[in-house]
């Protein structure tokens, strides 16, 4: 699938979504978070195709970071769920986006162990 290349008018929903996806990078960068691989994937594949693919990928570190920053509305998933863009996606893609948003705030172990005291505890 070829990337969407919006023109100056950019009135088609696919074009508006593509621009919204690129704008997410700029908004994140203003917060000190630069998801460069996300932006590159959007540029190479187009916003809609990128979202359709990425919403099923296991890595959600960008979304988790946005949740920690208190800005989940700047996520790809939240953008997919905006009323203007929902028609671009299947019911399953939208369900996955909702699920990812709902579970992103839950803390998950990334293989780190918390230091546990050993031996008897002094009180």
Protein backbone atom coordinates (compact mmCIF):
# COMPACT_ATOMS: atom_id res chain seq x y z
CA UNK A 1 0.00 0.00 0.00
CA UNK A 2 1.37 3.41 -0.94
CA UNK A 3 1.69 6.12 1.68
CA UNK A 4 -0.97 8.81 1.65
CA UNK A 5 0.53 12.07 0.48
CA UNK A 6 -1.87 14.79 1.55
CA UNK A 7 -2.14 17.87 -0.61
CA UNK A 8 -2.72 21.35 0.69
CA UNK A 9 -6.48 20.85 1.01
CA UNK A 10 -6.27 17.37 2.57
CA UNK A 11 -10.01 16.96 3.10
CA UNK A 12 -10.21 13.18 2.79
CA UNK A 13 -10.43 11.35 6.13
CA UNK A 14 -7.33 9.30 5.24
CA UNK A 15 -5.35 12.47 4.63
CA UNK A 16 -6.57 14.13 7.82
CA UNK A 17 -5.69 11.00 9.80
CA UNK A 18 -2.22 10.90 8.25
CA UNK A 19 -1.65 14.52 9.26
CA UNK A 20 -3.00 13.81 12.76
CA UNK A 21 -0.55 10.93 13.12
CA UNK A 22 2.36 13.16 12.11
CA UNK A 23 1.12 15.82 14.53
CA UNK A 24 1.31 13.26 17.35
CA UNK A 25 5.08 13.17 16.93
CA UNK A 26 5.29 16.95 17.23
CA UNK A 27 3.07 16.96 20.33
CA UNK A 28 5.16 14.22 21.94
CA UNK A 29 8.39 16.03 21.07
CA UNK A 30 7.08 19.11 22.88
CA UNK A 31 6.83 16.89 25.99
CA UNK A 32 10.42 15.69 25.59
CA UNK A 33 9.46 12.32 24.07
CA UNK A 34 10.51 11.71 20.48
CA UNK A 35 8.97 8.54 18.98
CA UNK A 36 11.16 8.69 15.85
CA UNK A 37 10.48 5.11 14.74
CA UNK A 38 6.74 5.76 14.96
CA UNK A 39 7.06 8.86 12.78
CA UNK A 40 9.21 7.04 10.24
CA UNK A 41 6.71 4.17 10.04
CA UNK A 42 3.88 6.65 9.44
CA UNK A 43 5.84 8.50 6.75
CA UNK A 44 6.77 5.28 4.95
CA UNK A 45 3.41 3.54 5.17
CA UNK A 46 0.80 6.26 5.53
CA UNK A 47 -1.09 7.00 8.70
CA UNK A 48 -4.00 4.58 8.27
CA UNK A 49 -1.84 1.62 7.21
CA UNK A 50 0.60 2.33 10.04
CA UNK A 51 -2.17 2.42 12.63
CA UNK A 52 -3.75 -0.78 11.30
CA UNK A 53 -0.43 -2.54 11.70
CA UNK A 54 0.86 -0.96 14.90
CA UNK A 55 -2.33 -1.39 16.89
CA UNK A 56 -1.68 -5.15 16.92
CA UNK A 57 2.04 -4.93 17.71
CA UNK A 58 3.00 -5.94 21.25
CA UNK A 59 5.23 -2.98 22.12
CA UNK A 60 3.22 -0.24 23.83
CA UNK A 61 6.05 1.68 25.45
CA UNK A 62 5.07 4.89 23.65
CA UNK A 63 1.49 4.61 24.85
CA UNK A 64 2.63 3.75 28.36
CA UNK A 65 4.94 6.75 28.39
CA UNK A 66 2.09 9.02 27.32
CA UNK A 67 -0.10 7.61 30.09
CA UNK A 68 2.65 8.28 32.65
CA UNK A 69 2.93 11.83 31.30
CA UNK A 70 -0.85 12.20 31.70
CA UNK A 71 -1.35 12.60 27.95
CA UNK A 72 -3.05 9.42 26.62
CA UNK A 73 -5.04 11.63 24.24
CA UNK A 74 -1.80 12.09 22.26
CA UNK A 75 -1.65 8.38 21.44
CA UNK A 76 -2.26 6.70 18.12
CA UNK A 77 -4.99 4.64 19.80
CA UNK A 78 -6.87 7.71 21.01
CA UNK A 79 -6.57 9.25 17.56
CA UNK A 80 -8.01 6.12 15.95
CA UNK A 81 -10.99 6.35 18.31
CA UNK A 82 -11.86 9.94 17.42
CA UNK A 83 -15.31 10.03 15.80
CA UNK A 84 -13.97 11.55 12.57
CA UNK A 85 -11.58 8.63 12.06
CA UNK A 86 -13.44 5.56 13.32
CA UNK A 87 -14.85 4.75 9.88
CA UNK A 88 -11.27 4.18 8.63
CA UNK A 89 -10.86 1.12 10.87
CA UNK A 90 -12.48 -2.25 11.39
CA UNK A 91 -14.41 -3.11 14.54
CA UNK A 92 -11.51 -5.35 15.62
CA UNK A 93 -8.93 -2.57 15.10
CA UNK A 94 -11.05 -0.17 17.18
CA UNK A 95 -11.58 -2.81 19.87
CA UNK A 96 -7.82 -3.34 20.06
CA UNK A 97 -7.21 0.42 20.32
CA UNK A 98 -9.74 0.66 23.18
CA UNK A 99 -8.19 -2.31 24.95
CA UNK A 100 -4.68 -0.91 24.64
CA UNK A 101 -5.79 2.43 26.09
CA UNK A 102 -7.59 0.69 28.94
CA UNK A 103 -4.63 -1.49 29.89
CA UNK A 104 -1.73 0.89 29.24
CA UNK A 105 -1.90 2.44 32.68
CA UNK A 106 -1.47 -0.84 34.48
CA UNK A 107 2.02 -1.37 35.75
CA UNK A 108 3.83 -4.23 34.13
CA UNK A 109 7.08 -5.85 35.07
CA UNK A 110 9.71 -5.49 32.42
CA UNK A 111 11.93 -8.10 33.96
CA UNK A 112 13.25 -5.82 36.67
CA UNK A 113 13.51 -7.19 40.16
CA UNK A 114 12.95 -5.04 43.18
CA UNK A 115 15.68 -5.32 45.76
CA UNK A 116 14.47 -7.52 48.60
CA UNK A 117 16.16 -7.49 51.97
CA UNK A 118 17.83 -10.72 52.89
CA UNK A 119 18.23 -12.16 56.34
CA UNK A 120 16.32 -11.25 59.47
CA UNK A 121 14.75 -7.81 59.63
CA UNK A 122 15.66 -5.42 62.44
CA UNK A 123 12.80 -3.52 63.93
